[in-house]
Amino acid sequence: ALRCRSYALARIPNLMEKALKKNGVATEDGEITDVRKTCRDFQYNYLKPSSCSSPRCIYERYDLIGTVENFDATLTILAQRLEAPLSAVLYVSAAKNSTIRNRTQPTSEFLHLLDKFIESKDFENNNQRDSELWLRATHGIQKLINPLTLASFTDYRNQAAEACAASANKDCYRGDNGCAVKCLNRFVAASSISSKNRPNKTNPEA
C-alpha cells in the first residue's frame, strides 16, 4: 500500500458513519466509494501552490515538509530551523477523546474492502504524486535530523507524557489538538532541559 494508507485508515470512522447512514450496511458502493474519491493525491493537491505542477516543485517551495511517520524528527528540525528550544514543540498525545470513542467502529467487511482497494493498481495510479512527495519529505527529514538531538527530544517528550498523563485530554486548544498545555507549561517551567537543548546558531544541525 502507498503511504497515504494512513490517511485512509484515519478517516474510517467518518466514512463508516456516512455509509451506514446511507446504506445501513458496509458496502463497496458506500464507504469505499468515498475512499476512492478522497484518496487521489490528497496531500499533493492540498499543498500545491498554483505555480507548481510536480511533487519536486512543492518540496522545493516549502522550508520544511514532515511526515507522520517521522513526526518527532520533523518537530525537532522545526525547532532547530526556528532557533527555538525543544520545549516549544513539546506535545502530549491525546488521540482518544470522547468523540472518537463514540464513533462507529469499522466492520471486518469494511477493512477487507479497504485493504483490497489500497492494494489495487487503481489506488497506486491515483496516488503517484503523493507517493513521490512522501518519499522526498522522508528523505529530507532523514538527511537533516541529528540522531542525538532526536533522542534527547524523545526522552524529554516521554518525561512530559508521564508528568501530564492525567491531563492528556484536558486544556486542549481545539478538539484533541494541543492538549495538556497548562500541564506542559508547568513541566517546562520546572525543567532545565529547554535551555540545554537550544540549537547552536552556528551549527543548526547540532
Protein backbone atom coordinates (compact mmCIF):
# COMPACT_ATOMS: atom_id res chain seq x y z
CA ALA A 1 0.00 0.00 0.00
CA LEU A 2 1.10 3.56 -0.63
CA ARG A 3 1.94 5.90 2.23
CA CYS A 4 -1.37 7.72 2.22
CA ARG A 5 -2.88 4.47 3.52
CA SER A 6 -2.60 6.01 6.98
CA TYR A 7 -4.81 8.89 5.85
CA ALA A 8 -7.47 6.49 4.56
CA LEU A 9 -7.37 4.49 7.79
CA ALA A 10 -7.69 7.65 9.87
CA ARG A 11 -10.90 8.50 8.00
CA ILE A 12 -12.55 5.13 8.58
CA PRO A 13 -14.86 6.26 11.42
CA ASN A 14 -16.21 9.20 9.40
CA LEU A 15 -16.60 7.12 6.26
CA MET A 16 -18.25 4.31 8.20
CA GLU A 17 -20.77 6.65 9.81
CA LYS A 18 -21.61 8.22 6.47
CA ALA A 19 -22.05 4.85 4.73
CA LEU A 20 -24.14 3.34 7.49
CA LYS A 21 -26.48 6.33 7.43
CA LYS A 22 -26.77 6.00 3.68
CA ASN A 23 -26.90 2.21 3.22
CA GLY A 24 -27.29 0.63 6.65
CA VAL A 25 -24.53 -1.89 5.85
CA ALA A 26 -20.88 -1.92 4.83
CA THR A 27 -20.75 -1.89 1.03
CA GLU A 28 -18.12 -1.01 -1.52
CA ASP A 29 -20.55 1.49 -3.07
CA GLY A 30 -20.79 3.15 0.33
CA GLU A 31 -17.55 3.55 2.25
CA ILE A 32 -15.04 2.52 -0.40
CA THR A 33 -16.54 4.85 -2.98
CA ASP A 34 -15.82 7.75 -0.61
CA VAL A 35 -12.27 6.49 -0.12
CA ARG A 36 -11.78 6.29 -3.88
CA LYS A 37 -12.87 9.91 -4.24
CA THR A 38 -10.76 11.16 -1.35
CA CYS A 39 -7.50 9.27 -1.88
CA ARG A 40 -6.37 10.86 -5.10
CA ASP A 41 -3.09 12.64 -4.39
CA PHE A 42 -4.78 14.36 -1.45
CA GLN A 43 -1.64 15.83 0.15
CA TYR A 44 -0.22 16.88 -3.21
CA ASN A 45 -3.38 18.80 -4.09
CA TYR A 46 -3.64 20.26 -0.58
CA LEU A 47 -0.08 21.61 -0.54
CA LYS A 48 0.30 22.53 -4.21
CA PRO A 49 0.77 26.25 -4.97
CA SER A 50 -0.89 27.34 -8.19
CA SER A 51 2.53 27.72 -9.82
CA CYS A 52 3.59 24.11 -9.14
CA SER A 53 2.89 21.07 -11.28
CA SER A 54 5.13 18.43 -9.69
CA PRO A 55 5.98 16.98 -6.24
CA ARG A 56 9.55 18.26 -6.65
CA CYS A 57 8.29 21.81 -7.13
CA ILE A 58 6.14 21.56 -3.99
CA TYR A 59 9.00 20.16 -1.92
CA GLU A 60 11.33 22.94 -3.01
CA ARG A 61 8.76 25.68 -2.32
CA TYR A 62 8.35 24.83 1.37
CA ASP A 63 11.01 25.36 4.04
CA LEU A 64 10.06 22.07 5.69
CA ILE A 65 7.67 19.21 4.91
CA GLY A 66 7.38 16.48 7.52
CA THR A 67 5.61 13.15 7.74
CA VAL A 68 3.53 11.43 10.40
CA GLU A 69 5.96 8.52 10.43
CA ASN A 70 8.77 10.95 11.34
CA PHE A 71 6.69 13.31 13.47
CA ASP A 72 9.18 13.79 16.33
CA ALA A 73 12.06 14.24 13.91
CA THR A 74 10.03 16.83 11.99
CA LEU A 75 9.32 18.79 15.17
CA THR A 76 12.97 18.62 16.22
CA ILE A 77 14.11 20.03 12.88
CA LEU A 78 11.40 22.70 13.07
CA ALA A 79 12.73 23.83 16.45
CA GLN A 80 16.23 24.00 15.03
CA ARG A 81 15.13 25.99 12.00
CA LEU A 82 13.34 28.48 14.27
CA GLU A 83 16.27 28.55 16.72
CA ALA A 84 13.77 27.66 19.42
CA PRO A 85 14.11 25.34 22.43
CA LEU A 86 12.72 21.83 22.14
CA SER A 87 10.11 22.80 24.73
CA ALA A 88 8.49 24.96 22.02
CA VAL A 89 7.41 21.85 20.09
CA LEU A 90 6.67 19.62 23.07
CA TYR A 91 3.35 17.77 22.98
CA VAL A 92 1.32 15.08 24.72
CA SER A 93 -0.61 12.56 22.63
CA ALA A 94 -4.38 12.86 23.10
CA ALA A 95 -5.81 10.92 20.18
CA LYS A 96 -8.52 9.12 22.17
CA ASN A 97 -11.09 11.70 23.11
CA SER A 98 -14.78 11.03 23.74
CA THR A 99 -15.77 11.89 20.17
CA ILE A 100 -13.50 9.22 18.71
CA ARG A 101 -14.52 6.62 21.29
CA ASN A 102 -18.19 7.11 20.48
CA ARG A 103 -17.78 6.78 16.72
CA THR A 104 -18.99 3.69 14.89
CA GLN A 105 -16.13 1.23 14.54
CA PRO A 106 -15.29 -0.28 11.13
CA THR A 107 -16.52 -3.79 10.40
CA SER A 108 -14.25 -6.61 9.23
CA GLU A 109 -16.00 -6.41 5.86
CA PHE A 110 -15.12 -2.76 5.52
CA LEU A 111 -11.48 -3.39 6.45
CA HIS A 112 -11.31 -6.19 3.88
CA LEU A 113 -12.72 -3.92 1.17
CA LEU A 114 -10.33 -1.14 2.17
CA ASP A 115 -7.28 -3.42 2.03
CA LYS A 116 -8.38 -4.74 -1.33
CA PHE A 117 -8.74 -1.21 -2.71
CA ILE A 118 -5.47 0.13 -1.25
CA GLU A 119 -3.54 -2.81 -2.69
CA SER A 120 -5.03 -2.25 -6.13
CA LYS A 121 -3.28 -0.78 -9.16
CA ASP A 122 -6.04 1.83 -9.32
CA PHE A 123 -5.03 3.18 -5.92
CA GLU A 124 -1.35 3.22 -6.86
CA ASN A 125 -2.01 5.06 -10.11
CA ASN A 126 -4.18 7.68 -8.40
CA ASN A 127 -1.57 8.47 -5.74
CA GLN A 128 1.74 8.54 -7.57
CA ARG A 129 2.37 12.23 -6.80
CA ASP A 130 1.55 11.72 -3.12
CA SER A 131 3.96 8.80 -3.01
CA GLU A 132 6.76 10.84 -4.59
CA LEU A 133 6.11 13.76 -2.23
CA TRP A 134 6.22 11.42 0.79
CA LEU A 135 9.48 9.88 -0.38
CA ARG A 136 11.07 13.32 -0.88
CA ALA A 137 9.89 14.50 2.54
CA THR A 138 11.07 11.32 4.27
CA HIS A 139 14.48 11.51 2.62
CA GLY A 140 14.79 15.19 3.59
CA ILE A 141 13.92 14.53 7.24
CA GLN A 142 16.33 11.61 7.48
CA LYS A 143 19.08 13.71 5.93
CA LEU A 144 18.58 16.68 8.28
CA ILE A 145 17.88 15.02 11.61
CA ASN A 146 20.60 14.65 14.21
CA PRO A 147 20.03 11.30 15.99
CA LEU A 148 21.33 12.63 19.31
CA THR A 149 19.03 15.65 19.24
CA LEU A 150 16.08 13.44 18.29
CA ALA A 151 16.88 11.03 21.14
CA SER A 152 17.03 13.98 23.54
CA PHE A 153 13.65 15.26 22.39
CA THR A 154 12.07 11.79 22.57
CA ASP A 155 13.29 11.36 26.14
CA TYR A 156 12.05 14.85 27.01
CA ARG A 157 8.64 14.12 25.47
CA ASN A 158 8.37 10.83 27.34
CA GLN A 159 9.05 12.63 30.62
CA ALA A 160 6.37 15.19 29.78
CA ALA A 161 3.90 12.45 28.81
CA GLU A 162 4.40 10.75 32.16
CA ALA A 163 4.11 14.00 34.10
CA CYS A 164 0.99 15.11 32.21
CA ALA A 165 -0.78 11.76 31.72
CA ALA A 166 -3.74 12.86 33.81
CA SER A 167 -4.17 15.97 31.66
CA ALA A 168 -3.82 14.30 28.26
CA ASN A 169 -7.41 15.12 27.26
CA LYS A 170 -7.71 18.43 29.12
CA ASP A 171 -6.89 22.06 28.35
CA CYS A 172 -6.95 21.47 24.58
CA TYR A 173 -6.80 24.26 22.01
CA ARG A 174 -9.41 22.52 19.87
CA GLY A 175 -10.87 19.01 19.99
CA ASP A 176 -7.95 16.75 20.86
CA ASN A 177 -5.33 19.15 19.46
CA GLY A 178 -2.83 20.96 21.66
CA CYS A 179 -3.95 19.23 24.84
CA ALA A 180 -2.42 19.41 28.33
CA VAL A 181 -1.00 22.83 27.52
CA LYS A 182 -1.21 24.07 31.11
CA CYS A 183 0.49 20.96 32.44
CA LEU A 184 3.19 21.20 29.77
CA ASN A 185 3.84 24.82 30.69
CA ARG A 186 4.31 23.81 34.32
CA PHE A 187 6.53 20.90 33.30
CA VAL A 188 8.75 23.11 31.15
CA ALA A 189 8.98 25.77 33.85
CA ALA A 190 10.18 23.17 36.33
CA SER A 191 12.68 21.69 33.91
CA SER A 192 16.08 22.96 32.86
CA ILE A 193 16.27 20.85 29.72
CA SER A 194 14.76 23.50 27.43
CA SER A 195 17.75 25.81 27.86
CA LYS A 196 20.21 22.93 27.49
CA ASN A 197 18.70 21.94 24.12
CA ARG A 198 18.55 25.33 22.40
CA PRO A 199 20.14 24.82 18.96
CA ASN A 200 23.58 26.23 18.30
CA LYS A 201 23.16 29.10 15.83
CA THR A 202 26.48 28.35 14.20
CA ASN A 203 25.54 24.71 13.74
CA PRO A 204 21.75 24.29 13.38
CA GLU A 205 22.19 20.53 12.95
CA ALA A 206 23.84 20.15 16.37
